[in-house]
Amino acid sequence: MSQPSSSDNENYSLRKINQLAFDAEKDSSLSLGQHGAVYKTAAGALSGGPWGAIQATATAVVSVTSGNWTNSDATTAVDIAAGATIFGNFTAITLTSGKIIAYKSA
């Protein structure tokens, strides 16, 4: 049995890279927005979580409770720049100021 040529190995590697990129894109598109989202413009708590991401459509300040942030389970006054997105497993979100889109994780 002959050894694969270097071009065969390169083609295989490129196919694997493309497949991994496709899988990553597919996974992120399913987790962001496919379970719903809430656009919030008035201060107050959001209901209906859990949440996987928070995107600021205008500079925002939020308080969050998260099971996977190592710094603190309850974090207050998190500044999010306009256009930025933060990710986590948020069980509670309260908007203090600004405008956000909160993406459900389930």
N, C-alpha and C. Protein backbone atom coordinates (compact mmCIF):
# COMPACT_ATOMS: atom_id res chain seq x y z
N MET A 1 0.85 -1.17 0.00
CA MET A 1 0.00 0.00 0.00
C MET A 1 0.90 1.23 0.00
N SER A 2 0.59 2.19 -0.86
CA SER A 2 1.44 3.37 -0.98
C SER A 2 1.08 4.42 0.06
N GLN A 3 2.05 5.23 0.39
CA GLN A 3 1.85 6.33 1.33
C GLN A 3 1.11 7.46 0.63
N PRO A 4 0.24 8.18 1.33
CA PRO A 4 -0.42 9.32 0.72
C PRO A 4 0.61 10.39 0.35
N SER A 5 0.37 11.07 -0.74
CA SER A 5 1.27 12.14 -1.14
C SER A 5 1.08 13.34 -0.21
N SER A 6 2.04 14.27 -0.27
CA SER A 6 1.93 15.45 0.59
C SER A 6 0.72 16.29 0.20
N SER A 7 0.36 16.31 -1.10
CA SER A 7 -0.83 17.07 -1.50
C SER A 7 -2.10 16.40 -0.97
N ASP A 8 -2.12 15.06 -0.90
CA ASP A 8 -3.27 14.37 -0.31
C ASP A 8 -3.42 14.74 1.16
N ASN A 9 -2.29 14.77 1.88
CA ASN A 9 -2.32 15.15 3.30
C ASN A 9 -2.78 16.58 3.47
N GLU A 10 -2.32 17.49 2.60
CA GLU A 10 -2.74 18.89 2.68
C GLU A 10 -4.23 19.03 2.40
N ASN A 11 -4.73 18.32 1.40
CA ASN A 11 -6.16 18.37 1.10
C ASN A 11 -6.99 17.84 2.25
N TYR A 12 -6.53 16.76 2.87
CA TYR A 12 -7.24 16.20 4.02
C TYR A 12 -7.25 17.22 5.16
N SER A 13 -6.10 17.84 5.41
CA SER A 13 -6.02 18.83 6.48
C SER A 13 -6.95 20.00 6.23
N LEU A 14 -6.99 20.48 4.98
CA LEU A 14 -7.88 21.59 4.66
C LEU A 14 -9.34 21.20 4.82
N ARG A 15 -9.69 19.98 4.42
CA ARG A 15 -11.07 19.53 4.61
C ARG A 15 -11.43 19.48 6.09
N LYS A 16 -10.51 19.00 6.93
CA LYS A 16 -10.77 18.94 8.38
C LYS A 16 -10.92 20.35 8.97
N ILE A 17 -10.07 21.28 8.54
CA ILE A 17 -10.16 22.65 9.04
C ILE A 17 -11.49 23.26 8.63
N ASN A 18 -11.88 23.08 7.37
CA ASN A 18 -13.17 23.61 6.92
C ASN A 18 -14.33 22.99 7.68
N GLN A 19 -14.25 21.70 7.96
CA GLN A 19 -15.32 21.04 8.72
C GLN A 19 -15.40 21.59 10.14
N LEU A 20 -14.23 21.80 10.77
CA LEU A 20 -14.23 22.35 12.13
C LEU A 20 -14.79 23.76 12.13
N ALA A 21 -14.43 24.57 11.13
CA ALA A 21 -14.95 25.94 11.05
C ALA A 21 -16.47 25.91 10.86
N PHE A 22 -16.96 25.02 10.00
CA PHE A 22 -18.40 24.90 9.79
C PHE A 22 -19.10 24.49 11.07
N ASP A 23 -18.54 23.50 11.78
CA ASP A 23 -19.15 23.04 13.03
C ASP A 23 -19.20 24.16 14.06
N ALA A 24 -18.13 24.93 14.17
CA ALA A 24 -18.10 26.03 15.14
C ALA A 24 -19.13 27.09 14.78
N GLU A 25 -19.24 27.41 13.49
CA GLU A 25 -20.22 28.41 13.05
C GLU A 25 -21.64 27.91 13.30
N LYS A 26 -21.88 26.66 12.99
CA LYS A 26 -23.21 26.07 13.20
C LYS A 26 -23.57 26.08 14.68
N ASP A 27 -22.62 25.69 15.55
CA ASP A 27 -22.88 25.66 16.98
C ASP A 27 -23.20 27.04 17.53
N SER A 28 -22.43 28.07 17.13
CA SER A 28 -22.67 29.40 17.67
C SER A 28 -23.97 29.98 17.14
N SER A 29 -24.33 29.68 15.89
CA SER A 29 -25.58 30.22 15.38
C SER A 29 -26.77 29.58 16.08
N LEU A 30 -26.63 28.35 16.52
CA LEU A 30 -27.73 27.69 17.22
C LEU A 30 -27.88 28.21 18.63
N SER A 31 -26.77 28.59 19.26
CA SER A 31 -26.85 29.01 20.66
C SER A 31 -27.18 30.49 20.82
N LEU A 32 -26.94 31.31 19.80
CA LEU A 32 -27.22 32.73 19.92
C LEU A 32 -28.44 33.11 19.10
N GLY A 33 -29.54 33.22 19.76
CA GLY A 33 -30.75 33.68 19.10
C GLY A 33 -31.75 32.60 18.77
N GLN A 34 -31.33 31.38 18.68
CA GLN A 34 -32.26 30.32 18.31
C GLN A 34 -33.25 30.00 19.44
N HIS A 35 -32.90 30.34 20.66
CA HIS A 35 -33.80 30.09 21.79
C HIS A 35 -34.58 31.35 22.16
N GLY A 36 -34.38 32.41 21.41
CA GLY A 36 -35.09 33.65 21.67
C GLY A 36 -34.19 34.70 22.30
N ALA A 37 -34.67 35.91 22.30
CA ALA A 37 -33.92 37.03 22.86
C ALA A 37 -34.92 38.08 23.34
N VAL A 38 -34.44 38.96 24.20
CA VAL A 38 -35.27 40.05 24.71
C VAL A 38 -34.50 41.35 24.51
N TYR A 39 -35.16 42.33 23.89
CA TYR A 39 -34.59 43.66 23.73
C TYR A 39 -35.12 44.50 24.87
N LYS A 40 -34.20 45.04 25.70
CA LYS A 40 -34.60 45.77 26.91
C LYS A 40 -34.04 47.18 26.86
N THR A 41 -34.92 48.17 27.01
CA THR A 41 -34.50 49.56 26.97
C THR A 41 -34.79 50.32 28.26
N ALA A 42 -35.61 49.75 29.13
CA ALA A 42 -35.96 50.40 30.39
C ALA A 42 -35.30 49.66 31.54
N ALA A 43 -34.86 50.40 32.53
CA ALA A 43 -34.21 49.79 33.69
C ALA A 43 -35.15 48.78 34.35
N GLY A 44 -34.56 47.70 34.86
CA GLY A 44 -35.34 46.68 35.54
C GLY A 44 -34.82 45.29 35.25
N ALA A 45 -35.40 44.32 35.93
CA ALA A 45 -34.98 42.92 35.80
C ALA A 45 -35.59 42.28 34.56
N LEU A 46 -34.86 41.35 33.97
CA LEU A 46 -35.38 40.55 32.87
C LEU A 46 -35.93 39.25 33.44
N SER A 47 -36.96 38.72 32.81
CA SER A 47 -37.47 37.42 33.20
C SER A 47 -37.40 36.50 32.01
N GLY A 48 -37.41 35.20 32.26
CA GLY A 48 -37.45 34.24 31.17
C GLY A 48 -36.14 33.58 30.82
N GLY A 49 -35.10 33.76 31.62
CA GLY A 49 -33.79 33.16 31.34
C GLY A 49 -33.82 31.66 31.46
N PRO A 50 -32.72 30.98 31.43
CA PRO A 50 -31.36 31.49 31.56
C PRO A 50 -30.87 32.16 30.27
N TRP A 51 -29.82 32.95 30.43
CA TRP A 51 -29.28 33.77 29.35
C TRP A 51 -27.85 33.33 29.05
N GLY A 52 -27.48 33.37 27.76
CA GLY A 52 -26.13 32.97 27.36
C GLY A 52 -25.25 34.12 26.93
N ALA A 53 -25.86 35.26 26.59
CA ALA A 53 -25.08 36.42 26.13
C ALA A 53 -25.90 37.68 26.32
N ILE A 54 -25.16 38.79 26.51
CA ILE A 54 -25.78 40.11 26.62
C ILE A 54 -25.04 41.02 25.66
N GLN A 55 -25.78 41.61 24.72
CA GLN A 55 -25.20 42.53 23.76
C GLN A 55 -25.75 43.92 24.03
N ALA A 56 -24.86 44.91 24.12
CA ALA A 56 -25.29 46.29 24.34
C ALA A 56 -25.52 46.97 23.00
N THR A 57 -26.72 47.50 22.77
CA THR A 57 -26.98 48.26 21.56
C THR A 57 -26.69 49.74 21.78
N ALA A 58 -26.60 50.13 23.04
CA ALA A 58 -26.11 51.43 23.49
C ALA A 58 -25.34 51.14 24.77
N THR A 59 -24.38 51.96 25.12
CA THR A 59 -23.60 51.72 26.33
C THR A 59 -24.55 51.39 27.47
N ALA A 60 -24.25 50.28 28.18
CA ALA A 60 -25.18 49.79 29.20
C ALA A 60 -24.45 49.42 30.48
N VAL A 61 -25.20 49.44 31.56
CA VAL A 61 -24.73 48.94 32.85
C VAL A 61 -25.75 47.90 33.31
N VAL A 62 -25.25 46.71 33.66
CA VAL A 62 -26.12 45.63 34.12
C VAL A 62 -25.57 45.03 35.40
N SER A 63 -26.45 44.38 36.13
CA SER A 63 -26.08 43.51 37.25
C SER A 63 -26.46 42.11 36.84
N VAL A 64 -25.58 41.15 37.08
CA VAL A 64 -25.84 39.78 36.64
C VAL A 64 -25.54 38.80 37.77
N THR A 65 -26.23 37.67 37.71
CA THR A 65 -25.89 36.52 38.54
C THR A 65 -25.51 35.42 37.57
N SER A 66 -24.32 34.84 37.80
CA SER A 66 -23.81 33.84 36.88
C SER A 66 -23.15 32.71 37.63
N GLY A 67 -23.38 31.49 37.14
CA GLY A 67 -22.77 30.33 37.75
C GLY A 67 -21.39 30.02 37.22
N ASN A 68 -20.92 30.74 36.19
CA ASN A 68 -19.63 30.38 35.62
C ASN A 68 -18.64 31.54 35.55
N TRP A 69 -18.87 32.63 36.24
CA TRP A 69 -17.88 33.69 36.34
C TRP A 69 -17.08 33.42 37.60
N THR A 70 -15.78 33.31 37.48
CA THR A 70 -14.95 32.93 38.62
C THR A 70 -14.78 34.06 39.63
N ASN A 71 -14.96 35.30 39.21
CA ASN A 71 -14.74 36.43 40.09
C ASN A 71 -15.80 36.52 41.18
N SER A 72 -17.04 36.33 40.80
CA SER A 72 -18.14 36.49 41.74
C SER A 72 -19.40 35.90 41.14
N ASP A 73 -20.22 35.30 41.96
CA ASP A 73 -21.47 34.77 41.46
C ASP A 73 -22.47 35.88 41.17
N ALA A 74 -22.45 36.93 41.94
CA ALA A 74 -23.33 38.07 41.71
C ALA A 74 -22.44 39.28 41.44
N THR A 75 -22.56 39.86 40.29
CA THR A 75 -21.72 40.99 39.90
C THR A 75 -22.61 42.18 39.59
N THR A 76 -22.34 43.30 40.22
CA THR A 76 -23.13 44.50 40.00
C THR A 76 -22.31 45.50 39.19
N ALA A 77 -23.01 46.38 38.50
CA ALA A 77 -22.41 47.48 37.74
C ALA A 77 -21.39 46.99 36.71
N VAL A 78 -21.80 46.05 35.88
CA VAL A 78 -20.96 45.59 34.78
C VAL A 78 -21.18 46.54 33.61
N ASP A 79 -20.14 47.25 33.20
CA ASP A 79 -20.23 48.17 32.06
C ASP A 79 -20.05 47.38 30.77
N ILE A 80 -20.94 47.61 29.81
CA ILE A 80 -20.84 46.98 28.49
C ILE A 80 -20.85 48.10 27.46
N ALA A 81 -19.78 48.20 26.69
CA ALA A 81 -19.69 49.24 25.66
C ALA A 81 -20.69 48.98 24.54
N ALA A 82 -21.15 50.02 23.90
CA ALA A 82 -22.08 49.88 22.78
C ALA A 82 -21.47 48.97 21.73
N GLY A 83 -22.23 47.97 21.32
CA GLY A 83 -21.77 47.02 20.31
C GLY A 83 -21.06 45.80 20.86
N ALA A 84 -20.68 45.84 22.13
CA ALA A 84 -19.97 44.72 22.74
C ALA A 84 -20.95 43.66 23.24
N THR A 85 -20.45 42.43 23.35
CA THR A 85 -21.24 41.31 23.85
C THR A 85 -20.45 40.60 24.93
N ILE A 86 -21.10 40.28 26.03
CA ILE A 86 -20.48 39.45 27.07
C ILE A 86 -21.21 38.11 27.09
N PHE A 87 -20.47 37.08 27.42
CA PHE A 87 -21.00 35.72 27.41
C PHE A 87 -20.92 35.12 28.80
N GLY A 88 -21.83 34.23 29.12
CA GLY A 88 -21.81 33.54 30.40
C GLY A 88 -23.07 32.72 30.55
N ASN A 89 -23.22 32.16 31.71
CA ASN A 89 -24.42 31.42 32.06
C ASN A 89 -25.16 32.26 33.09
N PHE A 90 -25.93 33.23 32.59
CA PHE A 90 -26.57 34.21 33.46
C PHE A 90 -27.94 33.70 33.91
N THR A 91 -28.12 33.63 35.21
CA THR A 91 -29.41 33.21 35.74
C THR A 91 -30.30 34.41 36.04
N ALA A 92 -29.70 35.59 36.19
CA ALA A 92 -30.46 36.81 36.43
C ALA A 92 -29.72 37.98 35.80
N ILE A 93 -30.48 38.88 35.17
CA ILE A 93 -29.93 40.11 34.58
C ILE A 93 -30.84 41.25 34.98
N THR A 94 -30.23 42.34 35.46
CA THR A 94 -30.98 43.57 35.73
C THR A 94 -30.29 44.70 34.99
N LEU A 95 -31.04 45.38 34.15
CA LEU A 95 -30.52 46.52 33.40
C LEU A 95 -30.63 47.77 34.27
N THR A 96 -29.49 48.44 34.47
CA THR A 96 -29.47 49.68 35.23
C THR A 96 -29.63 50.88 34.30
N SER A 97 -28.90 50.84 33.18
CA SER A 97 -29.01 51.91 32.19
C SER A 97 -28.57 51.38 30.83
N GLY A 98 -28.98 52.08 29.78
CA GLY A 98 -28.60 51.69 28.43
C GLY A 98 -29.65 50.82 27.77
N LYS A 99 -29.21 50.11 26.73
CA LYS A 99 -30.10 49.23 25.97
C LYS A 99 -29.33 47.94 25.67
N ILE A 100 -30.01 46.79 25.83
CA ILE A 100 -29.37 45.51 25.61
C ILE A 100 -30.28 44.55 24.86
N ILE A 101 -29.64 43.55 24.27
CA ILE A 101 -30.33 42.36 23.78
C ILE A 101 -29.78 41.21 24.61
N ALA A 102 -30.65 40.51 25.33
CA ALA A 102 -30.26 39.35 26.13
C ALA A 102 -30.68 38.10 25.37
N TYR A 103 -29.70 37.21 25.10
CA TYR A 103 -29.96 36.00 24.32
C TYR A 103 -30.18 34.81 25.26
N LYS A 104 -31.29 34.13 25.09
CA LYS A 104 -31.59 32.95 25.92
C LYS A 104 -30.67 31.80 25.55
N SER A 105 -30.29 31.03 26.55
CA SER A 105 -29.41 29.89 26.29
C SER A 105 -30.17 28.58 26.24
N ALA A 106 -31.42 28.59 26.61
CA ALA A 106 -32.23 27.36 26.55
C ALA A 106 -33.68 27.71 26.37
